[in-house]
PDB file of N, CA and C in Angstrom:
ATOM      1  N   MET A   1      -6.557  -7.999  46.375  1.00  0.00           N
ATOM      2  CA  MET A   1      -5.283  -8.682  46.476  1.00  0.00           C
ATOM      3  C   MET A   1      -4.439  -7.992  47.546  1.00  0.00           C
ATOM      4  N   LYS A   2      -3.537  -8.729  48.089  1.00  0.00           N
ATOM      5  CA  LYS A   2      -2.585  -8.148  49.023  1.00  0.00           C
ATOM      6  C   LYS A   2      -1.319  -7.757  48.261  1.00  0.00           C
ATOM      7  N   SER A   3      -0.686  -6.704  48.688  1.00  0.00           N
ATOM      8  CA  SER A   3       0.534  -6.232  48.053  1.00  0.00           C
ATOM      9  C   SER A   3       1.577  -7.346  48.012  1.00  0.00           C
ATOM     10  N   GLY A   4       2.202  -7.513  46.853  1.00  0.00           N
ATOM     11  CA  GLY A   4       3.204  -8.557  46.676  1.00  0.00           C
ATOM     12  C   GLY A   4       2.681  -9.813  46.019  1.00  0.00           C
ATOM     13  N   TYR A   5       1.366  -9.995  45.989  1.00  0.00           N
ATOM     14  CA  TYR A   5       0.765 -11.174  45.371  1.00  0.00           C
ATOM     15  C   TYR A   5       0.626 -10.970  43.866  1.00  0.00           C
ATOM     16  N   GLY A   6       0.638 -12.063  43.118  1.00  0.00           N
ATOM     17  CA  GLY A   6       0.443 -12.013  41.670  1.00  0.00           C
ATOM     18  C   GLY A   6      -0.506 -13.106  41.235  1.00  0.00           C
ATOM     19  N   ARG A   7      -1.089 -12.905  40.061  1.00  0.00           N
ATOM     20  CA  ARG A   7      -1.975 -13.933  39.498  1.00  0.00           C
ATOM     21  C   ARG A   7      -2.181 -13.681  38.009  1.00  0.00           C
ATOM     22  N   TYR A   8      -2.558 -14.752  37.305  1.00  0.00           N
ATOM     23  CA  TYR A   8      -2.917 -14.646  35.896  1.00  0.00           C
ATOM     24  C   TYR A   8      -4.418 -14.405  35.784  1.00  0.00           C
ATOM     25  N   LEU A   9      -4.805 -13.520  34.885  1.00  0.00           N
ATOM     26  CA  LEU A   9      -6.211 -13.283  34.585  1.00  0.00           C
ATOM     27  C   LEU A   9      -6.595 -14.120  33.372  1.00  0.00           C
ATOM     28  N   SER A  10      -7.833 -14.574  33.317  1.00  0.00           N
ATOM     29  CA  SER A  10      -8.323 -15.340  32.168  1.00  0.00           C
ATOM     30  C   SER A  10      -8.697 -14.395  31.038  1.00  0.00           C
ATOM     31  N   GLY A  11      -8.519 -14.850  29.805  1.00  0.00           N
ATOM     32  CA  GLY A  11      -8.946 -14.083  28.651  1.00  0.00           C
ATOM     33  C   GLY A  11      -7.826 -13.829  27.659  1.00  0.00           C
ATOM     34  N   TYR A  12      -8.152 -12.989  26.676  1.00  0.00           N
ATOM     35  CA  TYR A  12      -7.240 -12.651  25.578  1.00  0.00           C
ATOM     36  C   TYR A  12      -7.334 -11.157  25.311  1.00  0.00           C
ATOM     37  N   ASN A  13      -6.342 -10.618  24.609  1.00  0.00           N
ATOM     38  CA  ASN A  13      -6.349  -9.202  24.202  1.00  0.00           C
ATOM     39  C   ASN A  13      -6.619  -8.271  25.389  1.00  0.00           C
ATOM     40  N   PHE A  14      -5.765  -8.346  26.369  1.00  0.00           N
ATOM     41  CA  PHE A  14      -5.929  -7.559  27.590  1.00  0.00           C
ATOM     42  C   PHE A  14      -5.715  -6.074  27.317  1.00  0.00           C
ATOM     43  N   GLN A  15      -6.511  -5.248  27.990  1.00  0.00           N
ATOM     44  CA  GLN A  15      -6.387  -3.796  27.899  1.00  0.00           C
ATOM     45  C   GLN A  15      -6.400  -3.226  29.313  1.00  0.00           C
ATOM     46  N   LEU A  16      -5.383  -2.438  29.624  1.00  0.00           N
ATOM     47  CA  LEU A  16      -5.347  -1.757  30.910  1.00  0.00           C
ATOM     48  C   LEU A  16      -6.175  -0.490  30.785  1.00  0.00           C
ATOM     49  N   ILE A  17      -7.290  -0.437  31.493  1.00  0.00           N
ATOM     50  CA  ILE A  17      -8.215   0.691  31.408  1.00  0.00           C
ATOM     51  C   ILE A  17      -7.856   1.769  32.423  1.00  0.00           C
ATOM     52  N   PHE A  18      -7.535   1.369  33.652  1.00  0.00           N
ATOM     53  CA  PHE A  18      -7.182   2.313  34.706  1.00  0.00           C
ATOM     54  C   PHE A  18      -6.199   1.662  35.656  1.00  0.00           C
ATOM     55  N   ASN A  19      -5.215   2.440  36.095  1.00  0.00           N
ATOM     56  CA  ASN A  19      -4.261   1.949  37.088  1.00  0.00           C
ATOM     57  C   ASN A  19      -3.661   3.159  37.790  1.00  0.00           C
ATOM     58  N   ASP A  20      -3.872   3.251  39.078  1.00  0.00           N
ATOM     59  CA  ASP A  20      -3.290   4.357  39.841  1.00  0.00           C
ATOM     60  C   ASP A  20      -1.950   3.968  40.459  1.00  0.00           C
ATOM     61  N   GLY A  21      -1.307   2.971  39.874  1.00  0.00           N
ATOM     62  CA  GLY A  21      -0.025   2.493  40.379  1.00  0.00           C
ATOM     63  C   GLY A  21      -0.163   1.284  41.282  1.00  0.00           C
ATOM     64  N   ALA A  22      -1.382   0.776  41.412  1.00  0.00           N
ATOM     65  CA  ALA A  22      -1.646  -0.345  42.321  1.00  0.00           C
ATOM     66  C   ALA A  22      -1.065  -1.663  41.818  1.00  0.00           C
ATOM     67  N   ILE A  23      -0.977  -1.843  40.497  1.00  0.00           N
ATOM     68  CA  ILE A  23      -0.520  -3.125  39.949  1.00  0.00           C
ATOM     69  C   ILE A  23       0.563  -2.921  38.905  1.00  0.00           C
ATOM     70  N   GLU A  24       1.336  -3.995  38.699  1.00  0.00           N
ATOM     71  CA  GLU A  24       2.183  -4.117  37.517  1.00  0.00           C
ATOM     72  C   GLU A  24       1.412  -5.037  36.582  1.00  0.00           C
ATOM     73  N   PHE A  25       1.234  -4.626  35.345  1.00  0.00           N
ATOM     74  CA  PHE A  25       0.412  -5.372  34.390  1.00  0.00           C
ATOM     75  C   PHE A  25       1.276  -5.830  33.234  1.00  0.00           C
ATOM     76  N   TYR A  26       1.153  -7.111  32.875  1.00  0.00           N
ATOM     77  CA  TYR A  26       1.902  -7.680  31.760  1.00  0.00           C
ATOM     78  C   TYR A  26       0.930  -8.113  30.676  1.00  0.00           C
ATOM     79  N   GLU A  27       1.353  -8.041  29.429  1.00  0.00           N
ATOM     80  CA  GLU A  27       0.469  -8.302  28.287  1.00  0.00           C
ATOM     81  C   GLU A  27      -0.086  -9.726  28.239  1.00  0.00           C
ATOM     82  N   ASP A  28       0.554 -10.659  28.942  1.00  0.00           N
ATOM     83  CA  ASP A  28       0.050 -12.044  28.957  1.00  0.00           C
ATOM     84  C   ASP A  28      -1.046 -12.260  29.998  1.00  0.00           C
ATOM     85  N   GLY A  29      -1.452 -11.174  30.694  1.00  0.00           N
ATOM     86  CA  GLY A  29      -2.528 -11.268  31.670  1.00  0.00           C
ATOM     87  C   GLY A  29      -2.065 -11.456  33.096  1.00  0.00           C
ATOM     88  N   PHE A  30      -0.759 -11.382  33.327  1.00  0.00           N
ATOM     89  CA  PHE A  30      -0.247 -11.514  34.686  1.00  0.00           C
ATOM     90  C   PHE A  30      -0.243 -10.151  35.366  1.00  0.00           C
ATOM     91  N   VAL A  31      -0.726 -10.097  36.592  1.00  0.00           N
ATOM     92  CA  VAL A  31      -0.718  -8.849  37.367  1.00  0.00           C
ATOM     93  C   VAL A  31      -0.063  -9.102  38.723  1.00  0.00           C
ATOM     94  N   ILE A  32       0.664  -8.104  39.199  1.00  0.00           N
ATOM     95  CA  ILE A  32       1.271  -8.137  40.522  1.00  0.00           C
ATOM     96  C   ILE A  32       0.755  -6.936  41.286  1.00  0.00           C
ATOM     97  N   ALA A  33       0.236  -7.174  42.486  1.00  0.00           N
ATOM     98  CA  ALA A  33      -0.223  -6.093  43.353  1.00  0.00           C
ATOM     99  C   ALA A  33       1.006  -5.406  43.943  1.00  0.00           C
ATOM    100  N   VAL A  34       1.121  -4.103  43.727  1.00  0.00           N
ATOM    101  CA  VAL A  34       2.303  -3.370  44.142  1.00  0.00           C
ATOM    102  C   VAL A  34       2.037  -2.514  45.376  1.00  0.00           C
ATOM    103  N   LYS A  35       0.953  -1.753  45.352  1.00  0.00           N
ATOM    104  CA  LYS A  35       0.654  -0.869  46.478  1.00  0.00           C
ATOM    105  C   LYS A  35      -0.847  -0.624  46.564  1.00  0.00           C
ATOM    106  N   TYR A  36      -1.277  -0.050  47.679  1.00  0.00           N
ATOM    107  CA  TYR A  36      -2.690   0.249  47.913  1.00  0.00           C
ATOM    108  C   TYR A  36      -3.263   1.068  46.755  1.00  0.00           C
ATOM    109  N   GLY A  37      -4.409   0.631  46.246  1.00  0.00           N
ATOM    110  CA  GLY A  37      -5.066   1.357  45.165  1.00  0.00           C
ATOM    111  C   GLY A  37      -5.987   0.447  44.380  1.00  0.00           C
ATOM    112  N   ALA A  38      -6.257   0.871  43.136  1.00  0.00           N
ATOM    113  CA  ALA A  38      -7.205   0.142  42.295  1.00  0.00           C
ATOM    114  C   ALA A  38      -6.744   0.138  40.844  1.00  0.00           C
ATOM    115  N   ALA A  39      -7.256  -0.843  40.109  1.00  0.00           N
ATOM    116  CA  ALA A  39      -6.979  -0.942  38.671  1.00  0.00           C
ATOM    117  C   ALA A  39      -8.145  -1.653  37.995  1.00  0.00           C
ATOM    118  N   VAL A  40      -8.308  -1.390  36.700  1.00  0.00           N
ATOM    119  CA  VAL A  40      -9.326  -2.062  35.897  1.00  0.00           C
ATOM    120  C   VAL A  40      -8.655  -2.592  34.628  1.00  0.00           C
ATOM    121  N   VAL A  41      -8.884  -3.875  34.347  1.00  0.00           N
ATOM    122  CA  VAL A  41      -8.349  -4.526  33.149  1.00  0.00           C
ATOM    123  C   VAL A  41      -9.501  -5.178  32.417  1.00  0.00           C
ATOM    124  N   ASN A  42      -9.585  -4.971  31.101  1.00  0.00           N
ATOM    125  CA  ASN A  42     -10.575  -5.649  30.267  1.00  0.00           C
ATOM    126  C   ASN A  42      -9.890  -6.715  29.429  1.00  0.00           C
ATOM    127  N   ALA A  43     -10.645  -7.778  29.115  1.00  0.00           N
ATOM    128  CA  ALA A  43     -10.139  -8.854  28.273  1.00  0.00           C
ATOM    129  C   ALA A  43     -11.286  -9.458  27.478  1.00  0.00           C
ATOM    130  N   ASP A  44     -10.955 -10.063  26.334  1.00  0.00           N
ATOM    131  CA  ASP A  44     -11.929 -10.830  25.562  1.00  0.00           C
ATOM    132  C   ASP A  44     -11.945 -12.255  26.104  1.00  0.00           C
ATOM    133  N   ASP A  45     -13.121 -12.878  26.117  1.00  0.00           N
ATOM    134  CA  ASP A  45     -13.202 -14.251  26.621  1.00  0.00           C
ATOM    135  C   ASP A  45     -13.109 -15.298  25.514  1.00  0.00           C
ATOM    136  N   GLY A  46     -12.975 -14.876  24.267  1.00  0.00           N
ATOM    137  CA  GLY A  46     -12.878 -15.819  23.161  1.00  0.00           C
ATOM    138  C   GLY A  46     -14.214 -16.144  22.523  1.00  0.00           C
ATOM    139  N   ASN A  47     -15.323 -15.721  23.148  1.00  0.00           N
ATOM    140  CA  ASN A  47     -16.662 -15.959  22.609  1.00  0.00           C
ATOM    141  C   ASN A  47     -17.381 -14.658  22.262  1.00  0.00           C
ATOM    142  N   GLY A  48     -16.625 -13.579  22.137  1.00  0.00           N
ATOM    143  CA  GLY A  48     -17.214 -12.296  21.789  1.00  0.00           C
ATOM    144  C   GLY A  48     -17.672 -11.473  22.978  1.00  0.00           C
ATOM    145  N   ASN A  49     -17.396 -11.942  24.175  1.00  0.00           N
ATOM    146  CA  ASN A  49     -17.765 -11.211  25.390  1.00  0.00           C
ATOM    147  C   ASN A  49     -16.546 -10.517  25.979  1.00  0.00           C
ATOM    148  N   THR A  50     -16.785  -9.457  26.733  1.00  0.00           N
ATOM    149  CA  THR A  50     -15.710  -8.735  27.415  1.00  0.00           C
ATOM    150  C   THR A  50     -15.767  -9.037  28.900  1.00  0.00           C
ATOM    151  N   ILE A  51     -14.604  -9.384  29.456  1.00  0.00           N
ATOM    152  CA  ILE A  51     -14.458  -9.588  30.892  1.00  0.00           C
ATOM    153  C   ILE A  51     -13.839  -8.311  31.456  1.00  0.00           C
ATOM    154  N   SER A  52     -14.426  -7.779  32.513  1.00  0.00           N
ATOM    155  CA  SER A  52     -13.871  -6.590  33.157  1.00  0.00           C
ATOM    156  C   SER A  52     -13.427  -6.968  34.571  1.00  0.00           C
ATOM    157  N   TYR A  53     -12.138  -6.816  34.833  1.00  0.00           N
ATOM    158  CA  TYR A  53     -11.570  -7.117  36.141  1.00  0.00           C
ATOM    159  C   TYR A  53     -11.348  -5.816  36.901  1.00  0.00           C
ATOM    160  N   THR A  54     -11.907  -5.715  38.087  1.00  0.00           N
ATOM    161  CA  THR A  54     -11.609  -4.617  38.997  1.00  0.00           C
ATOM    162  C   THR A  54     -10.710  -5.190  40.086  1.00  0.00           C
ATOM    163  N   ILE A  55      -9.517  -4.644  40.194  1.00  0.00           N
ATOM    164  CA  ILE A  55      -8.537  -5.162  41.137  1.00  0.00           C
ATOM    165  C   ILE A  55      -8.315  -4.126  42.230  1.00  0.00           C
ATOM    166  N   LEU A  56      -8.565  -4.533  43.463  1.00  0.00           N
ATOM    167  CA  LEU A  56      -8.339  -3.668  44.623  1.00  0.00           C
ATOM    168  C   LEU A  56      -7.191  -4.235  45.431  1.00  0.00           C
ATOM    169  N   VAL A  57      -6.223  -3.395  45.729  1.00  0.00           N
ATOM    170  CA  VAL A  57      -5.065  -3.821  46.499  1.00  0.00           C
ATOM    171  C   VAL A  57      -5.209  -3.290  47.917  1.00  0.00           C
ATOM    172  N   ASP A  58      -5.158  -4.205  48.898  1.00  0.00           N
ATOM    173  CA  ASP A  58      -5.316  -3.869  50.309  1.00  0.00           C
ATOM    174  C   ASP A  58      -4.058  -3.243  50.882  1.00  0.00           C
ATOM    175  N   ARG A  59      -4.267  -2.481  51.938  1.00  0.00           N
ATOM    176  CA  ARG A  59      -3.124  -1.993  52.724  1.00  0.00           C
ATOM    177  C   ARG A  59      -2.651  -3.131  53.613  1.00  0.00           C
ATOM    178  N   GLN A  60      -1.389  -3.086  53.955  1.00  0.00           N
ATOM    179  CA  GLN A  60      -0.872  -4.125  54.862  1.00  0.00           C
ATOM    180  C   GLN A  60      -0.465  -3.514  56.164  1.00  0.00           C
TER     181      GLN A  60
END
């Protein structure tokens, strides 16, 4: 993602696993890219599976 962009992630029961300050994370699954770095968010897909999102924020 580019810094300043936001998006909703699919899934339920979101868990922030790692964030070096790259994103702002909200419990409803919305993330905003804040600065260069990385983050990992896990979520349930509703069928017993775990979705793992790796978010990389680009430099501008």
